[in-house]
Amino acid sequence: MADGHQLPAGGNLQIGGEELTTVSYRKRQLVMYPVQKHEFEILASGYSSIHLGLAGCFFGAAITIGVTLGSVTLPELAHRIFIDCLVITIIAMLYCGLMAIRDYRNSKKVIGSIRSETVDVVIGQTAQK
């Protein structure tokens, strides 16, 4: 410490009879998983999938087009274009949603394989006789 005081074996620092610090020691378990670069990229893609964001955008576009079709009287050509756009956005939303689910499942498989390959190693224990 900066002022020259040392911690006694019990972990309590006393100055003038007043206890200043209590230090408690607890055993902790550290778990490390070996992850290769391509596995990490698969994991990251499952949780930050561009497909999920695109599915949300297409969902919003489909809602907007549907509300417009339901609330505004359009000329026949514009009505047909809006219906075509609605069908296209619904198909794109379903495709991106399915791809996002696929990415998520792939990342879960990688997590499962990493956990199955993990072994327990005990460090710092002495053998007892």
C-alpha atoms as a PDB file:
ATOM      1  CA  MET A   1       0.000   0.000   0.000  1.00  0.00           C
ATOM      2  CA  ALA A   2       1.118   3.568  -0.548  1.00  0.00           C
ATOM      3  CA  ASP A   3       1.471   4.525   3.131  1.00  0.00           C
ATOM      4  CA  GLY A   4       3.501   1.443   4.072  1.00  0.00           C
ATOM      5  CA  HIS A   5       0.760  -0.554   5.846  1.00  0.00           C
ATOM      6  CA  GLN A   6       0.708  -4.293   5.226  1.00  0.00           C
ATOM      7  CA  LEU A   7      -2.292  -6.592   5.340  1.00  0.00           C
ATOM      8  CA  PRO A   8      -2.031  -9.144   8.145  1.00  0.00           C
ATOM      9  CA  ALA A   9      -2.743 -12.805   7.453  1.00  0.00           C
ATOM     10  CA  GLY A  10      -6.434 -12.408   8.341  1.00  0.00           C
ATOM     11  CA  GLY A  11      -6.998  -9.843   5.603  1.00  0.00           C
ATOM     12  CA  ASN A  12      -8.105  -7.005   7.913  1.00  0.00           C
ATOM     13  CA  LEU A  13      -6.216  -3.722   8.008  1.00  0.00           C
ATOM     14  CA  GLN A  14      -6.365  -1.897  11.334  1.00  0.00           C
ATOM     15  CA  ILE A  15      -5.101   1.562  12.098  1.00  0.00           C
ATOM     16  CA  GLY A  16      -5.615   2.852  15.605  1.00  0.00           C
ATOM     17  CA  GLY A  17      -7.875  -0.072  16.514  1.00  0.00           C
ATOM     18  CA  GLU A  18     -10.326   0.677  13.688  1.00  0.00           C
ATOM     19  CA  GLU A  19     -10.864  -1.980  11.019  1.00  0.00           C
ATOM     20  CA  LEU A  20     -10.621  -0.413   7.554  1.00  0.00           C
ATOM     21  CA  THR A  21     -10.718  -3.237   5.031  1.00  0.00           C
ATOM     22  CA  THR A  22     -12.057  -6.768   4.975  1.00  0.00           C
ATOM     23  CA  VAL A  23     -10.869  -9.045   2.203  1.00  0.00           C
ATOM     24  CA  SER A  24     -12.751 -12.265   1.495  1.00  0.00           C
ATOM     25  CA  TYR A  25     -11.332 -14.983  -0.694  1.00  0.00           C
ATOM     26  CA  ARG A  26     -13.575 -17.304  -2.637  1.00  0.00           C
ATOM     27  CA  LYS A  27     -12.755 -20.034  -5.081  1.00  0.00           C
ATOM     28  CA  ARG A  28     -14.020 -19.282  -8.549  1.00  0.00           C
ATOM     29  CA  GLN A  29     -14.526 -21.415 -11.572  1.00  0.00           C
ATOM     30  CA  LEU A  30     -13.197 -20.121 -14.872  1.00  0.00           C
ATOM     31  CA  VAL A  31     -14.646 -21.713 -17.989  1.00  0.00           C
ATOM     32  CA  MET A  32     -12.855 -21.136 -21.287  1.00  0.00           C
ATOM     33  CA  TYR A  33     -14.169 -22.373 -24.599  1.00  0.00           C
ATOM     34  CA  PRO A  34     -11.774 -22.882 -27.512  1.00  0.00           C
ATOM     35  CA  VAL A  35     -13.333 -21.112 -30.486  1.00  0.00           C
ATOM     36  CA  GLN A  36     -11.839 -21.064 -33.951  1.00  0.00           C
ATOM     37  CA  LYS A  37     -12.186 -18.033 -36.200  1.00  0.00           C
ATOM     38  CA  HIS A  38     -14.784 -19.555 -38.544  1.00  0.00           C
ATOM     39  CA  GLU A  39     -16.842 -20.768 -35.556  1.00  0.00           C
ATOM     40  CA  PHE A  40     -16.783 -17.276 -34.092  1.00  0.00           C
ATOM     41  CA  GLU A  41     -17.976 -15.820 -37.399  1.00  0.00           C
ATOM     42  CA  ILE A  42     -20.863 -18.315 -37.499  1.00  0.00           C
ATOM     43  CA  LEU A  43     -21.809 -17.386 -33.932  1.00  0.00           C
ATOM     44  CA  ALA A  44     -21.707 -13.681 -34.711  1.00  0.00           C
ATOM     45  CA  SER A  45     -23.805 -14.094 -37.847  1.00  0.00           C
ATOM     46  CA  GLY A  46     -26.551 -15.866 -35.898  1.00  0.00           C
ATOM     47  CA  TYR A  47     -27.038 -12.984 -33.500  1.00  0.00           C
ATOM     48  CA  SER A  48     -26.458 -10.064 -35.841  1.00  0.00           C
ATOM     49  CA  SER A  49     -27.987 -11.527 -38.968  1.00  0.00           C
ATOM     50  CA  ILE A  50     -28.651  -9.065 -41.777  1.00  0.00           C
ATOM     51  CA  HIS A  51     -31.575 -11.284 -42.722  1.00  0.00           C
ATOM     52  CA  LEU A  52     -33.326 -10.465 -39.461  1.00  0.00           C
ATOM     53  CA  GLY A  53     -33.026  -6.737 -40.103  1.00  0.00           C
ATOM     54  CA  LEU A  54     -34.222  -7.108 -43.682  1.00  0.00           C
ATOM     55  CA  ALA A  55     -37.193  -9.221 -42.581  1.00  0.00           C
ATOM     56  CA  GLY A  56     -38.188  -6.417 -40.212  1.00  0.00           C
ATOM     57  CA  CYS A  57     -37.858  -3.812 -42.967  1.00  0.00           C
ATOM     58  CA  PHE A  58     -39.937  -5.872 -45.381  1.00  0.00           C
ATOM     59  CA  PHE A  59     -42.550  -6.449 -42.674  1.00  0.00           C
ATOM     60  CA  GLY A  60     -42.842  -2.703 -42.128  1.00  0.00           C
ATOM     61  CA  ALA A  61     -43.091  -2.093 -45.880  1.00  0.00           C
ATOM     62  CA  ALA A  62     -45.812  -4.743 -46.226  1.00  0.00           C
ATOM     63  CA  ILE A  63     -47.814  -3.161 -43.394  1.00  0.00           C
ATOM     64  CA  THR A  64     -47.462   0.270 -44.993  1.00  0.00           C
ATOM     65  CA  ILE A  65     -48.556  -0.959 -48.423  1.00  0.00           C
ATOM     66  CA  GLY A  66     -51.445  -2.914 -46.918  1.00  0.00           C
ATOM     67  CA  VAL A  67     -52.690   0.093 -44.944  1.00  0.00           C
ATOM     68  CA  THR A  68     -52.424   2.263 -48.058  1.00  0.00           C
ATOM     69  CA  LEU A  69     -54.410  -0.256 -50.100  1.00  0.00           C
ATOM     70  CA  GLY A  70     -57.069  -0.472 -47.421  1.00  0.00           C
ATOM     71  CA  SER A  71     -57.509   3.233 -46.817  1.00  0.00           C
ATOM     72  CA  VAL A  72     -57.011   4.992 -50.157  1.00  0.00           C
ATOM     73  CA  THR A  73     -58.930   4.621 -53.398  1.00  0.00           C
ATOM     74  CA  LEU A  74     -56.341   4.251 -56.145  1.00  0.00           C
ATOM     75  CA  PRO A  75     -56.655   4.127 -59.924  1.00  0.00           C
ATOM     76  CA  GLU A  76     -56.635   0.601 -61.305  1.00  0.00           C
ATOM     77  CA  LEU A  77     -53.029   0.692 -62.525  1.00  0.00           C
ATOM     78  CA  ALA A  78     -51.709   2.089 -59.229  1.00  0.00           C
ATOM     79  CA  HIS A  79     -53.834  -0.440 -57.306  1.00  0.00           C
ATOM     80  CA  ARG A  80     -52.305  -3.285 -59.337  1.00  0.00           C
ATOM     81  CA  ILE A  81     -48.768  -1.946 -58.734  1.00  0.00           C
ATOM     82  CA  PHE A  82     -49.422  -1.700 -54.983  1.00  0.00           C
ATOM     83  CA  ILE A  83     -50.736  -5.268 -54.888  1.00  0.00           C
ATOM     84  CA  ASP A  84     -47.664  -6.489 -56.782  1.00  0.00           C
ATOM     85  CA  CYS A  85     -45.416  -4.621 -54.355  1.00  0.00           C
ATOM     86  CA  LEU A  86     -47.305  -6.131 -51.425  1.00  0.00           C
ATOM     87  CA  VAL A  87     -46.820  -9.659 -52.769  1.00  0.00           C
ATOM     88  CA  ILE A  88     -43.116  -9.020 -53.420  1.00  0.00           C
ATOM     89  CA  THR A  89     -42.503  -7.596 -49.927  1.00  0.00           C
ATOM     90  CA  ILE A  90     -44.345 -10.494 -48.269  1.00  0.00           C
ATOM     91  CA  ILE A  91     -42.263 -13.022 -50.236  1.00  0.00           C
ATOM     92  CA  ALA A  92     -39.045 -11.135 -49.386  1.00  0.00           C
ATOM     93  CA  MET A  93     -40.069 -10.935 -45.714  1.00  0.00           C
ATOM     94  CA  LEU A  94     -40.701 -14.680 -45.550  1.00  0.00           C
ATOM     95  CA  TYR A  95     -37.417 -15.463 -47.319  1.00  0.00           C
ATOM     96  CA  CYS A  96     -35.365 -13.207 -45.038  1.00  0.00           C
ATOM     97  CA  GLY A  97     -37.200 -14.511 -41.969  1.00  0.00           C
ATOM     98  CA  LEU A  98     -36.394 -18.102 -42.915  1.00  0.00           C
ATOM     99  CA  MET A  99     -32.746 -17.217 -43.562  1.00  0.00           C
ATOM    100  CA  ALA A 100     -32.557 -15.494 -40.158  1.00  0.00           C
ATOM    101  CA  ILE A 101     -33.949 -18.644 -38.510  1.00  0.00           C
ATOM    102  CA  ARG A 102     -31.362 -20.712 -40.422  1.00  0.00           C
ATOM    103  CA  ASP A 103     -28.527 -18.442 -39.232  1.00  0.00           C
ATOM    104  CA  TYR A 104     -29.756 -18.683 -35.644  1.00  0.00           C
ATOM    105  CA  ARG A 105     -29.963 -22.479 -35.771  1.00  0.00           C
ATOM    106  CA  ASN A 106     -26.475 -22.732 -37.285  1.00  0.00           C
ATOM    107  CA  SER A 107     -25.061 -20.622 -34.467  1.00  0.00           C
ATOM    108  CA  LYS A 108     -26.826 -22.826 -31.901  1.00  0.00           C
ATOM    109  CA  LYS A 109     -25.258 -25.922 -33.505  1.00  0.00           C
ATOM    110  CA  VAL A 110     -21.808 -24.362 -33.269  1.00  0.00           C
ATOM    111  CA  ILE A 111     -22.373 -23.496 -29.599  1.00  0.00           C
ATOM    112  CA  GLY A 112     -23.449 -27.088 -28.966  1.00  0.00           C
ATOM    113  CA  SER A 113     -20.379 -28.512 -30.664  1.00  0.00           C
ATOM    114  CA  ILE A 114     -18.070 -26.162 -28.746  1.00  0.00           C
ATOM    115  CA  ARG A 115     -19.663 -27.167 -25.450  1.00  0.00           C
ATOM    116  CA  SER A 116     -19.445 -30.866 -26.295  1.00  0.00           C
ATOM    117  CA  GLU A 117     -15.713 -30.552 -27.030  1.00  0.00           C
ATOM    118  CA  THR A 118     -14.970 -28.658 -23.814  1.00  0.00           C
ATOM    119  CA  VAL A 119     -13.103 -30.512 -21.077  1.00  0.00           C
ATOM    120  CA  ASP A 120     -12.775 -29.603 -17.399  1.00  0.00           C
ATOM    121  CA  VAL A 121      -9.291 -28.772 -16.189  1.00  0.00           C
ATOM    122  CA  VAL A 122      -8.562 -28.100 -12.523  1.00  0.00           C
ATOM    123  CA  ILE A 123      -5.735 -25.645 -11.880  1.00  0.00           C
ATOM    124  CA  GLY A 124      -4.171 -24.874  -8.532  1.00  0.00           C
ATOM    125  CA  GLN A 125      -5.354 -27.826  -6.470  1.00  0.00           C
ATOM    126  CA  THR A 126      -2.887 -29.898  -4.529  1.00  0.00           C
ATOM    127  CA  ALA A 127      -3.220 -33.638  -4.272  1.00  0.00           C
ATOM    128  CA  GLN A 128      -4.521 -34.782  -0.879  1.00  0.00           C
ATOM    129  CA  LYS A 129      -3.285 -37.966   0.695  1.00  0.00           C
END
